[in-house]
N, C-alpha and C. Protein backbone atom coordinates (compact mmCIF):
# COMPACT_ATOMS: atom_id res chain seq x y z
N MET A 1 0.81 -1.29 0.16
CA MET A 1 0.27 -0.12 0.13
C MET A 1 0.67 1.64 -0.25
N GLY A 2 0.65 2.01 -0.35
CA GLY A 2 1.60 3.48 -0.98
C GLY A 2 0.91 4.74 0.10
N LEU A 3 1.59 5.64 0.27
CA LEU A 3 1.97 6.92 1.05
C LEU A 3 0.52 7.41 0.80
N PHE A 4 0.01 7.55 -0.60
CA PHE A 4 -1.49 7.93 -0.54
C PHE A 4 -2.47 6.93 -0.64
N ASP A 5 -2.04 6.12 -0.52
CA ASP A 5 -3.86 4.52 -0.05
C ASP A 5 -3.65 5.00 1.41
N LYS A 6 -2.85 5.63 2.48
CA LYS A 6 -2.59 5.73 3.92
C LYS A 6 -3.60 6.96 4.33
N ILE A 7 -2.98 7.78 3.37
CA ILE A 7 -3.45 9.17 4.12
C ILE A 7 -3.60 9.94 2.88
N PHE A 8 -4.51 10.87 3.51
CA PHE A 8 -4.99 12.04 2.28
C PHE A 8 -4.78 13.62 3.06
N ARG A 9 -5.07 14.76 1.77
CA ARG A 9 -5.06 15.88 2.68
C ARG A 9 -6.09 16.54 2.00
N SER A 10 -6.49 17.75 2.87
CA SER A 10 -7.85 18.11 2.32
C SER A 10 -7.74 19.72 2.99
N VAL A 11 -8.14 21.04 2.54
CA VAL A 11 -7.90 22.12 3.00
C VAL A 11 -9.42 22.22 4.09
N GLY A 12 -8.75 22.50 5.13
CA GLY A 12 -10.28 22.80 6.13
C GLY A 12 -9.61 23.17 7.63
N SER A 13 -8.79 22.54 7.92
CA SER A 13 -8.09 22.91 9.05
C SER A 13 -6.98 24.18 9.34
N ASN A 14 -7.03 24.70 11.13
CA ASN A 14 -6.43 25.82 10.62
C ASN A 14 -4.97 26.47 9.96
N ASP A 15 -4.35 24.90 10.14
CA ASP A 15 -2.96 25.25 9.06
C ASP A 15 -3.09 24.71 7.98
N GLY A 16 -4.51 25.00 7.03
CA GLY A 16 -4.77 24.85 5.47
C GLY A 16 -4.42 23.35 5.19
N SER A 17 -4.45 22.32 5.96
CA SER A 17 -4.52 21.06 5.77
C SER A 17 -5.25 19.89 6.87
N LEU A 18 -6.18 18.95 6.46
CA LEU A 18 -5.97 17.84 7.37
C LEU A 18 -5.41 16.70 6.94
N ILE A 19 -4.88 15.77 7.87
CA ILE A 19 -4.71 14.57 7.68
C ILE A 19 -4.84 13.43 8.42
N VAL A 20 -5.73 12.59 7.79
CA VAL A 20 -6.44 11.32 8.20
C VAL A 20 -5.82 10.23 7.83
N THR A 21 -5.75 9.58 8.90
CA THR A 21 -4.87 7.89 8.55
C THR A 21 -6.03 6.62 9.25
N LYS A 22 -5.98 5.65 8.89
CA LYS A 22 -6.87 4.64 9.35
C LYS A 22 -6.89 4.69 10.61
N THR A 23 -8.39 4.60 11.27
CA THR A 23 -7.79 4.44 12.88
C THR A 23 -9.03 3.43 13.60
N ALA A 24 -8.54 2.86 14.21
CA ALA A 24 -9.42 2.03 15.01
C ALA A 24 -9.71 2.41 16.97
N GLU A 25 -9.31 3.84 16.72
CA GLU A 25 -9.75 4.62 17.99
C GLU A 25 -11.26 5.04 18.26
N ILE A 26 -11.62 4.87 19.11
CA ILE A 26 -12.78 4.99 19.59
C ILE A 26 -12.91 6.46 20.31
N LEU A 27 -13.77 7.19 20.07
CA LEU A 27 -13.85 8.51 20.51
C LEU A 27 -14.08 8.54 22.51
N ASP A 28 -13.87 9.23 22.89
CA ASP A 28 -14.01 9.51 24.44
C ASP A 28 -15.03 9.58 24.83
N GLU A 29 -15.53 8.58 25.74
CA GLU A 29 -16.64 8.62 26.30
C GLU A 29 -17.50 9.36 26.59
N ASP A 30 -16.84 10.09 27.27
CA ASP A 30 -17.52 11.40 28.16
C ASP A 30 -18.07 12.60 27.31
N LEU A 31 -17.11 12.49 26.04
CA LEU A 31 -17.19 13.41 24.61
C LEU A 31 -18.36 12.98 23.87
N TYR A 32 -18.39 11.49 23.75
CA TYR A 32 -19.66 11.30 23.01
C TYR A 32 -20.79 11.56 23.63
N TRP A 33 -20.99 11.22 24.94
CA TRP A 33 -22.27 11.43 25.43
C TRP A 33 -22.79 12.98 25.69
N LYS A 34 -21.56 13.47 25.91
CA LYS A 34 -21.74 14.91 26.27
C LYS A 34 -22.57 15.51 24.50
N ILE A 35 -22.22 15.09 23.52
CA ILE A 35 -22.59 14.93 22.19
C ILE A 35 -24.02 14.98 22.00
N VAL A 36 -24.54 13.83 22.60
CA VAL A 36 -25.66 13.36 22.02
C VAL A 36 -26.60 13.87 23.27
N GLU A 37 -26.41 14.23 24.73
CA GLU A 37 -26.82 14.84 25.02
C GLU A 37 -27.33 16.47 24.75
N GLU A 38 -26.48 17.24 23.99
CA GLU A 38 -26.47 18.16 23.28
C GLU A 38 -27.43 18.13 22.24
N SER A 39 -27.39 17.16 21.83
CA SER A 39 -28.25 16.74 20.31
C SER A 39 -30.18 16.78 21.45
N LEU A 40 -29.83 15.98 22.03
CA LEU A 40 -31.24 15.93 22.70
C LEU A 40 -32.01 17.33 23.10
N LYS A 41 -31.15 18.13 23.71
CA LYS A 41 -31.50 19.49 24.15
C LYS A 41 -31.89 20.75 23.46
N ASN A 42 -31.33 20.30 21.92
CA ASN A 42 -31.48 21.09 20.81
C ASN A 42 -31.93 20.50 19.99
N SER A 43 -33.45 19.72 20.14
CA SER A 43 -34.21 19.10 19.09
C SER A 43 -35.42 18.66 19.66
N ILE A 44 -36.48 18.55 19.03
CA ILE A 44 -37.78 17.80 19.48
C ILE A 44 -37.95 16.66 18.35
N ASP A 45 -37.24 15.88 17.63
CA ASP A 45 -37.85 15.16 16.80
C ASP A 45 -36.46 14.46 16.37
N GLN A 46 -36.66 13.04 15.96
CA GLN A 46 -35.65 12.64 15.22
C GLN A 46 -34.75 13.46 13.88
N ASP A 47 -35.63 14.05 13.28
CA ASP A 47 -34.87 14.71 12.19
C ASP A 47 -33.78 16.02 12.83
N GLN A 48 -34.52 16.51 13.65
CA GLN A 48 -33.88 17.60 13.84
C GLN A 48 -32.16 17.17 14.77
N GLN A 49 -32.41 15.86 15.44
CA GLN A 49 -31.22 15.50 16.60
C GLN A 49 -30.51 14.92 15.21
N GLU A 50 -30.70 14.31 14.29
CA GLU A 50 -29.78 14.01 13.22
C GLU A 50 -28.95 14.88 12.29
N GLN A 51 -29.93 16.31 12.14
CA GLN A 51 -29.38 17.20 11.56
C GLN A 51 -28.31 17.90 12.56
N PHE A 52 -28.50 18.17 13.80
CA PHE A 52 -27.87 18.39 14.89
C PHE A 52 -26.54 18.00 15.32
N LEU A 53 -26.52 16.56 15.15
CA LEU A 53 -25.42 15.80 15.24
C LEU A 53 -24.59 15.99 14.21
N ILE A 54 -24.94 15.63 12.79
CA ILE A 54 -24.21 16.29 11.84
C ILE A 54 -23.55 17.00 11.74
N LYS A 55 -24.05 18.35 12.25
CA LYS A 55 -23.51 19.77 12.07
C LYS A 55 -22.35 19.90 13.43
N ARG A 56 -22.94 19.20 14.70
CA ARG A 56 -21.64 19.27 15.93
C ARG A 56 -21.02 18.39 15.52
N LEU A 57 -20.86 17.32 14.94
CA LEU A 57 -19.63 16.12 14.73
C LEU A 57 -18.87 16.86 13.75
N GLN A 58 -18.93 18.43 12.74
CA GLN A 58 -18.24 18.54 12.15
C GLN A 58 -17.10 19.46 12.74
N LYS A 59 -17.30 19.72 13.95
CA LYS A 59 -16.61 20.39 14.82
C LYS A 59 -15.40 19.86 14.96
N LEU A 60 -15.76 18.70 15.47
CA LEU A 60 -14.60 17.67 15.69
C LEU A 60 -13.33 17.38 14.16
N THR A 61 -12.12 16.91 14.93
CA THR A 61 -11.51 16.40 13.96
C THR A 61 -11.70 15.29 12.99
N PRO A 62 -10.83 15.03 11.89
CA PRO A 62 -11.97 13.83 11.23
C PRO A 62 -11.54 12.51 11.78
N THR A 63 -10.52 12.21 12.40
CA THR A 63 -10.23 10.83 13.50
C THR A 63 -11.33 11.01 14.60
N GLN A 64 -11.81 12.04 15.25
CA GLN A 64 -12.84 12.09 16.23
C GLN A 64 -14.00 11.55 15.32
N ILE A 65 -14.39 12.06 14.24
CA ILE A 65 -15.83 11.94 13.97
C ILE A 65 -15.71 10.25 13.53
N ILE A 66 -14.54 9.78 12.97
CA ILE A 66 -14.30 8.09 13.32
C ILE A 66 -14.75 7.71 14.10
N GLY A 67 -14.28 8.31 15.33
CA GLY A 67 -14.12 7.70 16.82
C GLY A 67 -15.57 7.70 17.01
N PHE A 68 -16.14 8.60 16.68
CA PHE A 68 -18.13 8.48 17.06
C PHE A 68 -18.43 7.39 16.21
N ARG A 69 -18.12 7.20 15.47
CA ARG A 69 -19.04 5.96 14.53
C ARG A 69 -18.20 4.75 15.53
N LEU A 70 -17.27 4.99 16.11
CA LEU A 70 -16.75 3.77 16.50
C LEU A 70 -17.30 3.09 17.59
N ARG A 71 -17.51 4.40 18.58
CA ARG A 71 -17.97 4.02 19.54
C ARG A 71 -19.65 3.94 19.59
N THR A 72 -20.14 4.80 18.50
CA THR A 72 -21.74 3.98 18.18
C THR A 72 -21.61 2.48 18.07
N ASP A 73 -20.35 1.88 17.36
CA ASP A 73 -20.32 0.48 16.86
C ASP A 73 -20.12 -0.12 18.37
N LYS A 74 -19.26 -0.36 19.14
CA LYS A 74 -19.00 -0.41 20.40
C LYS A 74 -20.56 -0.53 21.07
N LEU A 75 -21.33 0.35 21.15
CA LEU A 75 -22.44 0.67 22.19
C LEU A 75 -23.80 -0.60 21.80
N LEU A 76 -23.32 -0.31 20.24
CA LEU A 76 -24.07 -1.25 19.70
C LEU A 76 -23.60 -2.86 19.95
N TYR A 77 -22.61 -3.09 20.16
CA TYR A 77 -21.96 -4.50 19.87
C TYR A 77 -22.24 -4.97 21.61
N ASP A 78 -21.85 -3.91 22.45
CA ASP A 78 -22.21 -4.33 23.83
C ASP A 78 -24.09 -4.94 24.20
N THR A 79 -24.54 -4.49 23.38
CA THR A 79 -25.94 -5.01 23.73
C THR A 79 -26.38 -5.80 22.62
N TYR A 80 -25.74 -6.53 22.21
CA TYR A 80 -25.87 -7.49 21.44
C TYR A 80 -26.47 -8.64 22.35
N ASN A 81 -28.01 -8.74 22.35
CA ASN A 81 -27.83 -9.98 23.12
C ASN A 81 -29.34 -10.21 23.30
N SER A 82 -29.81 -11.66 23.73
CA SER A 82 -31.01 -12.06 23.62
C SER A 82 -32.30 -11.08 24.55
N GLU A 83 -31.96 -10.56 25.62
CA GLU A 83 -32.57 -9.61 26.25
C GLU A 83 -33.01 -8.25 25.93
N MET A 84 -32.38 -8.03 25.34
CA MET A 84 -32.50 -6.57 24.67
C MET A 84 -33.25 -6.76 22.99
N TRP A 85 -32.93 -7.98 22.46
CA TRP A 85 -33.28 -8.30 21.16
C TRP A 85 -35.33 -8.51 21.59
N CYS A 86 -35.51 -8.83 22.94
CA CYS A 86 -36.94 -9.25 23.41
C CYS A 86 -37.45 -8.00 23.71
N ALA A 87 -36.58 -6.95 24.20
CA ALA A 87 -37.25 -5.57 24.29
C ALA A 87 -37.50 -4.78 23.18
N GLY A 88 -36.83 -5.03 22.39
CA GLY A 88 -37.23 -4.78 20.90
C GLY A 88 -37.91 -5.14 20.04
N TYR A 89 -38.62 -6.18 20.36
CA TYR A 89 -39.71 -7.32 19.64
C TYR A 89 -40.68 -6.91 20.38
N ILE A 90 -40.79 -6.69 21.68
CA ILE A 90 -41.95 -5.81 22.31
C ILE A 90 -42.32 -4.80 21.76
N MET A 91 -41.32 -3.71 21.78
CA MET A 91 -41.60 -2.69 21.80
C MET A 91 -42.01 -2.04 20.16
N ASN A 92 -41.40 -3.03 19.19
CA ASN A 92 -41.87 -2.66 17.70
C ASN A 92 -42.81 -3.92 17.18
N GLY A 93 -43.39 -4.76 17.92
CA GLY A 93 -44.03 -5.91 17.93
C GLY A 93 -43.80 -6.62 16.91
N GLY A 94 -42.15 -6.97 17.07
CA GLY A 94 -41.71 -7.78 15.88
C GLY A 94 -39.92 -7.13 15.64
N CYS A 95 -38.98 -7.69 15.21
CA CYS A 95 -37.88 -7.17 15.09
C CYS A 95 -36.69 -8.27 14.70
N SER A 96 -36.41 -7.79 13.07
CA SER A 96 -35.58 -8.30 12.31
C SER A 96 -33.94 -8.25 12.90
N ASP A 97 -33.64 -8.68 12.50
CA ASP A 97 -31.90 -8.65 12.46
C ASP A 97 -31.27 -6.90 11.97
N ASP A 98 -31.89 -6.31 10.76
CA ASP A 98 -31.80 -4.74 10.92
C ASP A 98 -32.83 -4.10 11.74
N SER A 99 -33.74 -4.55 12.05
CA SER A 99 -34.57 -3.57 13.26
C SER A 99 -33.89 -3.82 14.49
N PHE A 100 -33.10 -4.54 14.46
CA PHE A 100 -32.57 -4.89 15.94
C PHE A 100 -31.59 -3.70 15.98
N GLU A 101 -30.67 -3.74 15.00
CA GLU A 101 -29.68 -2.61 15.50
C GLU A 101 -30.34 -1.24 14.98
N TYR A 102 -31.47 -0.86 14.15
CA TYR A 102 -31.89 0.51 14.14
C TYR A 102 -32.76 0.45 15.69
N PHE A 103 -33.04 0.02 16.35
CA PHE A 103 -33.60 -0.38 18.03
C PHE A 103 -32.95 0.14 18.42
N ARG A 104 -31.57 -0.53 18.85
CA ARG A 104 -30.69 -0.16 19.64
C ARG A 104 -29.52 1.16 19.32
N CYS A 105 -29.65 1.73 18.00
CA CYS A 105 -29.49 2.89 17.42
C CYS A 105 -30.20 3.86 18.42
N TRP A 106 -31.74 3.59 18.67
CA TRP A 106 -32.64 4.45 19.25
C TRP A 106 -31.96 4.44 20.86
N VAL A 107 -31.89 3.46 21.18
CA VAL A 107 -31.39 3.42 22.78
C VAL A 107 -30.20 4.03 23.29
N ILE A 108 -29.68 4.37 22.19
CA ILE A 108 -28.20 5.27 22.56
C ILE A 108 -28.54 6.31 22.23
N SER A 109 -29.58 7.00 21.37
CA SER A 109 -29.93 8.37 21.01
C SER A 109 -30.50 8.91 22.14
N ARG A 110 -30.78 7.96 22.91
CA ARG A 110 -31.77 8.63 24.09
C ARG A 110 -30.96 9.14 25.54
N GLY A 111 -29.41 8.71 25.24
CA GLY A 111 -28.54 9.16 26.08
C GLY A 111 -28.24 8.30 26.99
N LYS A 112 -26.99 8.52 27.88
CA LYS A 112 -26.22 8.03 28.37
C LYS A 112 -26.72 7.14 29.70
N GLU A 113 -27.74 7.69 30.49
CA GLU A 113 -28.74 7.00 31.39
C GLU A 113 -29.15 5.97 31.18
N ILE A 114 -30.07 6.25 29.83
CA ILE A 114 -30.95 5.12 29.44
C ILE A 114 -30.60 4.00 28.78
N TYR A 115 -29.62 4.54 28.13
CA TYR A 115 -28.67 3.42 27.36
C TYR A 115 -28.25 2.55 28.64
N TYR A 116 -27.40 2.99 29.38
CA TYR A 116 -27.10 2.33 30.67
C TYR A 116 -27.93 1.33 31.19
N SER A 117 -28.94 1.91 31.93
CA SER A 117 -30.54 1.45 32.41
C SER A 117 -30.59 0.15 31.88
N ALA A 118 -30.90 0.49 30.36
CA ALA A 118 -31.67 -0.72 29.59
C ALA A 118 -30.22 -1.65 29.46
N LYS A 119 -29.05 -1.39 29.09
CA LYS A 119 -28.24 -2.62 29.29
C LYS A 119 -27.96 -3.15 30.33
N LEU A 120 -28.31 -2.81 31.46
CA LEU A 120 -28.43 -3.73 32.78
C LEU A 120 -29.47 -4.45 32.82
N ASN A 121 -30.87 -3.67 32.52
CA ASN A 121 -32.35 -4.57 32.61
C ASN A 121 -33.13 -3.67 31.64
N PRO A 122 -32.98 -4.50 30.23
CA PRO A 122 -33.78 -3.53 29.42
C PRO A 122 -35.68 -3.68 29.65
N ASP A 123 -35.59 -3.79 30.28
CA ASP A 123 -37.24 -3.93 31.02
C ASP A 123 -37.69 -2.38 31.31
N SER A 124 -36.40 -1.74 31.42
CA SER A 124 -36.29 -0.31 32.34
C SER A 124 -36.72 0.22 30.89
N LEU A 125 -36.59 0.16 29.83
CA LEU A 125 -37.44 0.98 28.98
C LEU A 125 -39.00 1.04 29.14
N ALA A 126 -39.37 0.44 29.37
CA ALA A 126 -40.83 0.42 29.82
C ALA A 126 -41.29 2.27 29.98
N ASP A 127 -40.31 2.68 30.81
CA ASP A 127 -40.61 4.17 30.76
C ASP A 127 -40.28 5.14 30.23
N GLU A 128 -39.79 4.43 28.92
CA GLU A 128 -39.70 5.12 27.53
C GLU A 128 -41.31 5.10 26.50
N VAL A 129 -41.93 4.26 27.08
CA VAL A 129 -43.19 4.01 26.34
C VAL A 129 -43.60 5.54 25.66
N ASN A 130 -44.18 5.69 24.77
CA ASN A 130 -44.77 6.74 24.37
C ASN A 130 -45.77 6.43 23.30
N ASP A 131 -47.36 6.93 23.65
CA ASP A 131 -48.36 6.64 22.72
C ASP A 131 -48.09 7.28 21.13
N ASN A 132 -46.98 7.99 21.32
CA ASN A 132 -47.06 9.19 19.92
C ASN A 132 -46.16 8.34 18.91
N ILE A 133 -45.32 7.22 20.00
CA ILE A 133 -44.55 6.83 19.04
C ILE A 133 -44.63 5.51 18.46
N GLU A 134 -44.46 5.37 16.94
CA GLU A 134 -45.23 4.25 16.43
C GLU A 134 -43.97 2.99 16.50
N PHE A 135 -42.53 3.19 16.24
CA PHE A 135 -41.85 2.67 16.40
C PHE A 135 -40.59 3.24 17.01
N TYR A 136 -39.73 2.34 17.47
CA TYR A 136 -38.67 3.02 18.13
C TYR A 136 -37.44 2.34 17.66
N ASP A 137 -37.00 3.17 16.62
CA ASP A 137 -35.79 2.96 16.06
C ASP A 137 -35.48 4.21 15.59
N PHE A 138 -34.09 4.56 14.98
CA PHE A 138 -33.34 5.59 14.32
C PHE A 138 -32.25 5.06 13.60
N GLU A 139 -32.43 4.39 12.29
CA GLU A 139 -31.71 4.36 11.59
C GLU A 139 -30.59 5.30 11.41
N SER A 140 -31.12 6.19 11.08
CA SER A 140 -30.02 7.72 10.19
C SER A 140 -28.87 7.87 11.88
N PHE A 141 -29.48 7.79 13.23
CA PHE A 141 -28.30 7.71 13.71
C PHE A 141 -26.72 7.21 13.64
N TRP A 142 -27.23 6.06 12.98
CA TRP A 142 -25.82 5.30 12.55
C TRP A 142 -25.41 5.47 11.32
N TYR A 143 -25.74 7.10 11.38
CA TYR A 143 -25.03 7.34 9.95
C TYR A 143 -24.39 9.00 9.99
N VAL A 144 -24.96 9.50 11.04
CA VAL A 144 -24.50 10.82 11.16
C VAL A 144 -22.69 11.01 11.18
N ALA A 145 -22.15 10.21 11.57
CA ALA A 145 -20.77 10.43 11.49
C ALA A 145 -20.18 10.26 10.02
N LEU A 146 -21.23 9.55 9.13
CA LEU A 146 -20.48 9.32 7.78
C LEU A 146 -20.85 10.58 7.25
N GLU A 147 -21.87 11.52 7.41
CA GLU A 147 -22.45 12.79 6.88
C GLU A 147 -21.48 13.38 7.29
N ALA A 148 -21.08 13.48 8.38
CA ALA A 148 -19.89 14.82 8.69
C ALA A 148 -18.67 14.60 8.51
N PHE A 149 -18.58 13.57 8.04
CA PHE A 149 -16.91 12.90 7.73
C PHE A 149 -16.97 13.59 6.41
N GLN A 150 -18.19 13.31 5.60
CA GLN A 150 -18.44 13.41 4.36
C GLN A 150 -18.24 14.80 3.89
N ALA A 151 -19.26 15.96 4.89
CA ALA A 151 -19.01 16.91 4.38
C ALA A 151 -17.85 17.55 5.16
N LYS A 152 -16.89 17.38 5.76
CA LYS A 152 -15.87 17.88 6.39
C LYS A 152 -14.43 17.72 5.69
N THR A 153 -14.55 16.29 4.79
CA THR A 153 -13.37 15.56 4.07
C THR A 153 -13.61 15.74 2.41
N GLY A 154 -14.74 15.62 2.28
CA GLY A 154 -15.12 14.70 1.01
C GLY A 154 -14.76 13.74 0.57
N LYS A 155 -14.66 12.80 1.87
CA LYS A 155 -13.98 11.44 1.74
C LYS A 155 -15.20 10.08 2.43
N GLU A 156 -15.09 9.12 2.15
CA GLU A 156 -16.10 8.44 2.84
C GLU A 156 -15.32 7.39 4.27
N LEU A 157 -16.18 7.65 5.17
CA LEU A 157 -15.83 7.35 6.79
C LEU A 157 -15.19 6.02 6.59
N TYR A 158 -16.13 4.89 5.85
CA TYR A 158 -15.27 3.48 6.16
C TYR A 158 -13.92 3.44 5.56
N ASP A 159 -13.58 4.07 4.44
CA ASP A 159 -12.63 3.86 3.82
C ASP A 159 -11.18 4.20 4.93
N PHE A 160 -11.18 5.04 6.15
CA PHE A 160 -10.43 5.30 7.11
C PHE A 160 -11.15 4.23 8.25
N ILE A 161 -11.61 3.20 8.73
CA ILE A 161 -11.35 2.43 9.48
C ILE A 161 -10.54 1.53 9.35
N ASP A 162 -9.69 1.37 10.44
CA ASP A 162 -8.72 -0.03 10.25
C ASP A 162 -9.76 -1.15 11.00
N ASP A 163 -10.29 -1.61 10.02
CA ASP A 163 -11.26 -3.01 10.40
C ASP A 163 -9.83 -4.08 10.93
N ASP A 164 -8.52 -4.08 10.73
CA ASP A 164 -7.98 -4.93 10.93
C ASP A 164 -7.81 -5.04 12.88
N ASN A 165 -8.11 -3.92 13.66
CA ASN A 165 -7.71 -3.12 15.05
C ASN A 165 -9.20 -2.76 15.59
N PHE A 166 -10.24 -3.22 14.81
CA PHE A 166 -11.50 -2.71 15.15
C PHE A 166 -12.45 -3.91 15.02
N LYS A 167 -12.89 -4.31 16.69
CA LYS A 167 -13.56 -5.71 16.88
C LYS A 167 -14.43 -5.65 17.27
N PHE A 168 -15.13 -4.77 17.57
CA PHE A 168 -16.68 -4.60 17.87
C PHE A 168 -17.64 -4.17 16.77
N LYS A 169 -17.45 -4.97 15.75
CA LYS A 169 -18.34 -4.24 14.01
C LYS A 169 -19.00 -5.42 14.00
N GLU A 170 -20.27 -5.26 13.64
CA GLU A 170 -21.45 -5.83 13.27
C GLU A 170 -20.96 -7.23 12.85
N GLY A 171 -20.30 -7.31 11.87
CA GLY A 171 -19.88 -8.89 11.32
C GLY A 171 -19.18 -9.52 12.76
N ASP A 172 -18.58 -9.03 13.46
CA ASP A 172 -17.95 -9.82 14.86
C ASP A 172 -18.80 -10.24 15.96
N TYR A 173 -20.28 -9.79 15.88
CA TYR A 173 -21.18 -9.76 17.13
C TYR A 173 -20.58 -11.38 17.84
N PRO A 174 -21.21 -11.06 18.89
CA PRO A 174 -20.85 -12.87 19.76
C PRO A 174 -22.12 -13.56 19.49
N GLN A 175 -21.64 -14.78 19.45
CA GLN A 175 -23.03 -15.60 19.44
C GLN A 175 -23.84 -15.91 21.05
N PHE A 176 -25.25 -15.93 20.56
CA PHE A 176 -26.16 -16.19 21.91
C PHE A 176 -27.04 -17.50 21.35
N ASN A 177 -28.15 -17.88 22.48
CA ASN A 177 -28.94 -18.41 22.32
C ASN A 177 -30.17 -17.52 22.79
N PHE A 178 -31.45 -17.29 21.90
CA PHE A 178 -32.25 -16.96 22.53
C PHE A 178 -32.99 -17.31 24.07
N THR A 179 -33.35 -16.78 24.45
CA THR A 179 -33.83 -16.78 25.98
C THR A 179 -35.26 -16.57 26.16
N TRP A 180 -36.14 -16.66 24.84
CA TRP A 180 -37.61 -16.55 24.78
C TRP A 180 -37.48 -16.68 23.42
N GLU A 181 -39.16 -17.14 22.92
CA GLU A 181 -39.63 -17.19 21.50
C GLU A 181 -40.65 -16.82 21.29
N GLU A 182 -40.96 -15.84 20.02
CA GLU A 182 -41.75 -15.01 19.54
C GLU A 182 -43.36 -15.95 19.79
N GLU A 183 -43.22 -17.02 19.54
CA GLU A 183 -44.23 -18.33 19.70
C GLU A 183 -44.77 -18.37 20.82
N LYS A 184 -44.12 -18.11 22.10
CA LYS A 184 -44.46 -18.31 22.95
C LYS A 184 -44.10 -16.86 23.67
N PRO A 185 -45.43 -15.48 24.08
CA PRO A 185 -45.46 -14.49 24.66
C PRO A 185 -44.98 -14.44 25.95
N GLU A 186 -45.12 -15.69 26.39
CA GLU A 186 -45.31 -15.48 28.14
C GLU A 186 -43.47 -15.80 27.99
N THR A 187 -43.03 -16.21 27.47
CA THR A 187 -41.53 -16.26 27.57
C THR A 187 -40.60 -14.52 27.42
N MET A 188 -41.39 -13.80 26.83
CA MET A 188 -40.91 -12.53 26.83
C MET A 188 -41.23 -12.01 28.28
N ARG A 189 -43.14 -12.18 28.57
CA ARG A 189 -42.88 -11.54 29.30
C ARG A 189 -42.33 -11.60 30.79
N ILE A 190 -41.72 -12.93 30.78
CA ILE A 190 -40.54 -13.26 32.00
C ILE A 190 -39.61 -12.45 32.00
N ILE A 191 -39.01 -11.93 30.69
CA ILE A 191 -37.57 -11.27 30.51
C ILE A 191 -38.32 -9.77 30.87
N CYS A 192 -39.32 -9.09 30.63
CA CYS A 192 -39.62 -7.66 30.41
C CYS A 192 -40.95 -7.75 30.68
N PRO A 193 -41.32 -7.79 32.08
CA PRO A 193 -42.97 -7.86 32.20
C PRO A 193 -43.13 -6.51 32.48
N ASN A 194 -42.80 -5.53 32.67
CA ASN A 194 -43.56 -4.17 32.48
C ASN A 194 -43.23 -3.73 30.87
N LEU A 195 -42.49 -3.89 30.37
CA LEU A 195 -42.93 -3.54 28.76
C LEU A 195 -43.94 -4.55 28.09
N PHE A 196 -43.79 -5.84 28.55
CA PHE A 196 -44.71 -6.64 27.82
C PHE A 196 -46.13 -6.20 28.51
N GLU A 197 -46.64 -5.42 29.76
CA GLU A 197 -47.53 -5.00 30.45
C GLU A 197 -48.09 -3.58 29.15
N ALA A 198 -46.97 -3.28 28.73
CA ALA A 198 -47.17 -1.86 28.51
C ALA A 198 -47.24 -2.00 26.83
N LYS A 199 -46.81 -2.64 26.27
CA LYS A 199 -46.99 -2.77 24.53
C LYS A 199 -47.45 -4.04 23.78
N TRP A 200 -47.54 -5.39 24.35
CA TRP A 200 -47.88 -6.33 24.06
C TRP A 200 -49.24 -6.59 23.87
N LYS A 201 -49.55 -6.78 22.61
CA LYS A 201 -51.46 -6.81 22.08
C LYS A 201 -51.42 -8.02 21.87
């Protein structure tokens, strides 16, 4: 791989150039959640939150923008389990593989406290049930860093992820056995009793 396959330069920083190399560096968690909380305080719906995040992320360095995406992937990785999938299934009346990704993006987008409460006990999401919400998902949250990176550098973020050293991506999710069955709703009630009571029809 030649030098120009590894790095590129583009006008934009104070010294007139940006240098970006492939990275597996995850964004500092405190900064990550600070940005998410800012997006919640400055938006009233997902569209506004998405646009706020894209603009806010453009204030970071390119490496930090990549790190935001990698932190999101790590948070998704850490909640890839049967119990969280049960919560997503109940809340959305079904939950495919892709839908489970977007459901967990929604959980992350609600902020640190809600995320970690749900990670510990997915049934805590019963507190987030809202009659005005049809589906609890946020697909575009997964892509805000890509949009910000493209706007800042003119490049594709995926090209600068060091996949050899980043192990928390979708293709490397851990295997698990389901602890519930969609054909047996009572098994879902055991895992998420409050969610089941609030959402199951």
